[in-house]
Amino acid sequence: MKCLTFTPFPLCGTNGDCIELTNETSVCECKNGYSQSLDFSSYFISENELEGMVCFYHDATVTTLYVLLLLMSLSYLLLHAVVIKTRSQLMRQLPLLVFGVLVLVLSIYRLARGKDAAFGVDFFYTFMIISAGSACVLQAYFFLTQYLQYVSKKVKIGENKTLYIRAENARLIFKFIVIFSSVATHTIWISLWGSRDTALLVFR
C-alpha cells in the first residue's frame, strides 16, 4: 500500500503527511480534525487501501453540513404541510415530498452512524441517496408533462403542428432518460447485496 495523491497536490493532500513504514508500505497521517473516509471514495480505492487515502474528510465540517441539511429538510416538509390543501396538490408534489423525507432520514442516519454510513459501502445510506435523486428526476418529469399539457391546450394542433410534435418528442426523450437513469443508478445499492468486488465494479 502506498500513499495516494491527486495532482497537483502533494502525497496525502494538504492536510496529511505520508509516513514510510517499509520500502513497500506507506500510510497517510492526517492532521487534527481530518481523516480518511470511504464515502464516495470507492471510485478510487478499496477498503484495504484506506490508510493511504488523501486526508480530505473534516469531521466537524461534515457534521455541521448534515445538521444544516436535517434542519432544511425538516423546514421544507413543514412548509409543504402548510401549503398543500387538496389531494390533487399532494399527488402533484408527491415525489418532492418523498425526496424531503429521504433527505431527513438519511441526515439523521448519517449523524448517528458517522463515517460508517458511507455511500457505496453502507446499503441503507446508499439506497436513500439514490432514491432521493430518482425522486427529483421523477418530479421534473411530472412538471414537464404538466407544462406540455398546458401548452397543448393553449396552442391548437392545427395551428402549430410542429410545436406540438417537438413538445411530444421532448416528453418521450425525457421519459426515456428518467427510466434509464433510474435503472442505472439503482444497480449501485442493489450490488451491495453481493460481494465487495462486485459492488466496487458496479460503483466505478
Protein backbone atom coordinates (compact mmCIF):
# COMPACT_ATOMS: atom_id res chain seq x y z
CA MET A 1 0.00 0.00 0.00
CA LYS A 2 1.29 3.45 -0.96
CA CYS A 3 0.22 6.98 -0.11
CA LEU A 4 -2.12 8.43 -2.72
CA THR A 5 -2.18 11.89 -4.22
CA PHE A 6 -4.28 13.95 -6.58
CA THR A 7 -2.11 16.10 -8.85
CA PRO A 8 -1.06 18.89 -8.32
CA PHE A 9 -1.44 18.29 -4.56
CA PRO A 10 1.25 16.51 -2.50
CA LEU A 11 1.02 12.97 -1.17
CA CYS A 12 -1.90 12.63 1.29
CA GLY A 13 -3.11 16.10 0.29
CA THR A 14 -2.53 19.36 2.13
CA ASN A 15 -3.99 18.00 5.37
CA GLY A 16 -1.80 14.94 5.87
CA ASP A 17 1.76 13.61 5.79
CA CYS A 18 3.00 10.44 4.15
CA ILE A 19 4.72 8.12 6.64
CA GLU A 20 7.03 5.43 5.22
CA LEU A 21 6.64 2.18 7.15
CA THR A 22 8.72 -0.01 4.84
CA ASN A 23 10.09 0.27 1.32
CA GLU A 24 6.80 -1.07 0.00
CA THR A 25 4.36 0.37 2.54
CA SER A 26 3.40 3.92 3.48
CA VAL A 27 0.34 5.45 5.14
CA CYS A 28 -1.16 8.90 5.44
CA GLU A 29 -1.09 10.52 8.87
CA CYS A 30 -3.85 13.15 8.96
CA LYS A 31 -3.75 16.44 10.83
CA ASN A 32 -6.08 17.09 13.74
CA GLY A 33 -9.71 17.20 12.64
CA TYR A 34 -9.04 15.47 9.32
CA SER A 35 -9.29 11.81 8.41
CA GLN A 36 -9.92 9.43 5.52
CA SER A 37 -13.31 8.12 4.51
CA LEU A 38 -14.74 5.62 2.05
CA ASP A 39 -17.70 7.94 1.46
CA PHE A 40 -17.83 8.50 -2.32
CA SER A 41 -14.21 7.30 -2.41
CA SER A 42 -14.80 3.84 -3.82
CA TYR A 43 -14.20 5.32 -7.25
CA PHE A 44 -10.51 5.34 -6.30
CA ILE A 45 -9.75 2.91 -3.50
CA SER A 46 -10.89 -0.25 -1.78
CA GLU A 47 -11.23 -0.68 1.99
CA ASN A 48 -7.75 -2.17 2.46
CA GLU A 49 -6.22 0.95 0.86
CA LEU A 50 -7.97 3.46 3.12
CA GLU A 51 -4.91 4.21 5.29
CA GLY A 52 -3.10 5.54 2.22
CA MET A 53 -6.00 7.73 1.12
CA VAL A 54 -5.78 11.53 0.90
CA CYS A 55 -6.83 13.28 4.14
CA PHE A 56 -9.86 15.15 2.83
CA TYR A 57 -12.56 14.44 5.40
CA HIS A 58 -13.06 17.17 8.02
CA ASP A 59 -15.29 15.71 10.72
CA ALA A 60 -16.64 18.97 12.17
CA THR A 61 -17.47 20.44 8.76
CA VAL A 62 -19.29 17.32 7.56
CA THR A 63 -21.26 17.08 10.81
CA THR A 64 -22.27 20.75 10.53
CA LEU A 65 -23.41 20.28 6.92
CA TYR A 66 -25.59 17.30 7.84
CA VAL A 67 -27.15 19.21 10.74
CA LEU A 68 -27.99 22.04 8.32
CA LEU A 69 -29.35 19.51 5.82
CA LEU A 70 -31.54 18.00 8.52
CA LEU A 71 -32.94 21.41 9.52
CA MET A 72 -33.56 22.46 5.91
CA SER A 73 -35.33 19.21 5.01
CA LEU A 74 -37.49 19.48 8.12
CA SER A 75 -38.42 23.09 7.25
CA TYR A 76 -39.09 22.01 3.68
CA LEU A 77 -41.56 19.34 4.79
CA LEU A 78 -43.29 21.65 7.27
CA LEU A 79 -43.78 24.32 4.60
CA HIS A 80 -45.31 21.75 2.25
CA ALA A 81 -47.61 20.58 5.05
CA VAL A 82 -48.90 24.15 5.39
CA VAL A 83 -49.27 24.84 1.66
CA ILE A 84 -50.81 21.56 0.46
CA LYS A 85 -54.58 21.65 0.93
CA THR A 86 -56.06 19.14 -1.52
CA ARG A 87 -55.41 15.56 -2.59
CA SER A 88 -54.55 16.69 -6.15
CA GLN A 89 -51.88 19.06 -4.79
CA LEU A 90 -50.49 16.23 -2.69
CA MET A 91 -50.24 13.89 -5.68
CA ARG A 92 -48.54 16.54 -7.83
CA GLN A 93 -45.91 17.14 -5.16
CA LEU A 94 -45.54 13.53 -4.02
CA PRO A 95 -42.04 12.86 -5.46
CA LEU A 96 -40.71 16.05 -3.87
CA LEU A 97 -42.26 15.08 -0.53
CA VAL A 98 -40.63 11.66 -0.78
CA PHE A 99 -37.36 13.45 -1.55
CA GLY A 100 -37.74 15.59 1.58
CA VAL A 101 -38.45 12.58 3.79
CA LEU A 102 -35.47 10.66 2.39
CA VAL A 103 -33.12 13.60 2.94
CA LEU A 104 -34.38 14.00 6.51
CA VAL A 105 -33.93 10.30 7.28
CA LEU A 106 -30.50 10.00 5.65
CA SER A 107 -29.30 13.09 7.55
CA ILE A 108 -30.36 11.57 10.88
CA TYR A 109 -28.85 8.22 9.87
CA ARG A 110 -25.55 9.79 8.86
CA LEU A 111 -25.29 11.85 12.04
CA ALA A 112 -25.99 8.72 14.10
CA ARG A 113 -23.53 6.43 12.34
CA GLY A 114 -20.84 8.90 11.29
CA LYS A 115 -18.34 7.74 8.67
CA ASP A 116 -19.71 4.19 8.83
CA ALA A 117 -22.61 5.47 6.72
CA ALA A 118 -20.60 5.76 3.51
CA PHE A 119 -22.03 5.98 0.01
CA GLY A 120 -21.12 2.86 -1.93
CA VAL A 121 -20.46 0.93 1.28
CA ASP A 122 -23.48 1.24 3.57
CA PHE A 123 -26.57 -0.34 1.97
CA PHE A 124 -29.27 1.78 3.64
CA TYR A 125 -27.44 5.10 3.21
CA THR A 126 -26.66 4.40 -0.46
CA PHE A 127 -30.26 3.38 -1.12
CA MET A 128 -31.63 6.60 0.37
CA ILE A 129 -29.31 8.90 -1.58
CA ILE A 130 -30.04 7.22 -4.91
CA SER A 131 -33.78 7.09 -4.22
CA ALA A 132 -33.79 10.80 -3.31
CA GLY A 133 -32.11 11.60 -6.62
CA SER A 134 -34.62 9.46 -8.52
CA ALA A 135 -37.49 11.28 -6.79
CA CYS A 136 -36.14 14.63 -8.03
CA VAL A 137 -35.84 13.37 -11.60
CA LEU A 138 -39.36 11.93 -11.46
CA GLN A 139 -40.75 15.23 -10.19
CA ALA A 140 -39.02 17.05 -13.06
CA TYR A 141 -40.73 14.68 -15.49
CA PHE A 142 -44.12 15.37 -13.89
CA PHE A 143 -43.56 19.13 -14.14
CA LEU A 144 -42.52 18.82 -17.79
CA THR A 145 -45.59 16.72 -18.62
CA GLN A 146 -47.90 19.21 -16.91
CA TYR A 147 -46.29 22.11 -18.75
CA LEU A 148 -46.58 20.40 -22.14
CA GLN A 149 -50.24 19.60 -21.43
CA TYR A 150 -50.79 23.27 -20.63
CA VAL A 151 -49.10 24.33 -23.88
CA SER A 152 -51.12 21.85 -25.93
CA LYS A 153 -54.33 23.38 -24.59
CA LYS A 154 -53.19 26.88 -25.49
CA VAL A 155 -51.90 26.02 -28.94
CA LYS A 156 -54.23 24.16 -31.27
CA ILE A 157 -52.59 21.29 -33.12
CA GLY A 158 -53.86 22.55 -36.45
CA GLU A 159 -52.30 25.97 -35.94
CA ASN A 160 -48.82 24.83 -34.93
CA LYS A 161 -48.37 21.13 -35.53
CA THR A 162 -44.57 21.36 -35.50
CA LEU A 163 -44.52 22.81 -31.98
CA TYR A 164 -46.81 20.06 -30.70
CA ILE A 165 -44.69 17.30 -32.27
CA ARG A 166 -41.48 18.74 -30.84
CA ALA A 167 -43.03 19.03 -27.41
CA GLU A 168 -44.24 15.45 -27.51
CA ASN A 169 -40.82 14.24 -28.68
CA ALA A 170 -39.19 16.13 -25.81
CA ARG A 171 -41.52 14.44 -23.34
CA LEU A 172 -40.74 10.98 -24.71
CA ILE A 173 -36.99 11.61 -24.67
CA PHE A 174 -37.10 12.82 -21.07
CA LYS A 175 -39.22 9.80 -20.13
CA PHE A 176 -36.50 7.54 -21.55
CA ILE A 177 -33.85 9.47 -19.59
CA VAL A 178 -35.83 9.03 -16.36
CA ILE A 179 -36.19 5.28 -16.88
CA PHE A 180 -32.58 4.77 -17.95
CA SER A 181 -31.07 6.85 -15.12
CA SER A 182 -33.25 5.14 -12.52
CA VAL A 183 -32.28 1.65 -13.67
CA ALA A 184 -28.60 2.55 -13.98
CA THR A 185 -28.23 4.25 -10.59
CA HIS A 186 -30.31 1.76 -8.61
CA THR A 187 -27.94 -1.04 -9.62
CA ILE A 188 -25.43 0.56 -7.22
CA TRP A 189 -27.31 -0.16 -4.00
CA ILE A 190 -28.56 -3.50 -5.36
CA SER A 191 -24.95 -4.56 -6.00
CA LEU A 192 -24.17 -4.09 -2.28
CA TRP A 193 -26.08 -7.32 -1.62
CA GLY A 194 -23.30 -9.19 -3.42
CA SER A 195 -19.56 -9.39 -2.87
CA ARG A 196 -17.47 -6.29 -2.23
CA ASP A 197 -15.57 -6.76 -5.50
CA THR A 198 -18.81 -6.85 -7.49
CA ALA A 199 -20.11 -3.75 -5.70
CA LEU A 200 -16.89 -1.84 -6.44
CA LEU A 201 -17.07 -2.83 -10.11
CA VAL A 202 -20.67 -1.60 -10.45
CA PHE A 203 -19.99 1.57 -8.44
CA ARG A 204 -16.98 2.52 -10.55
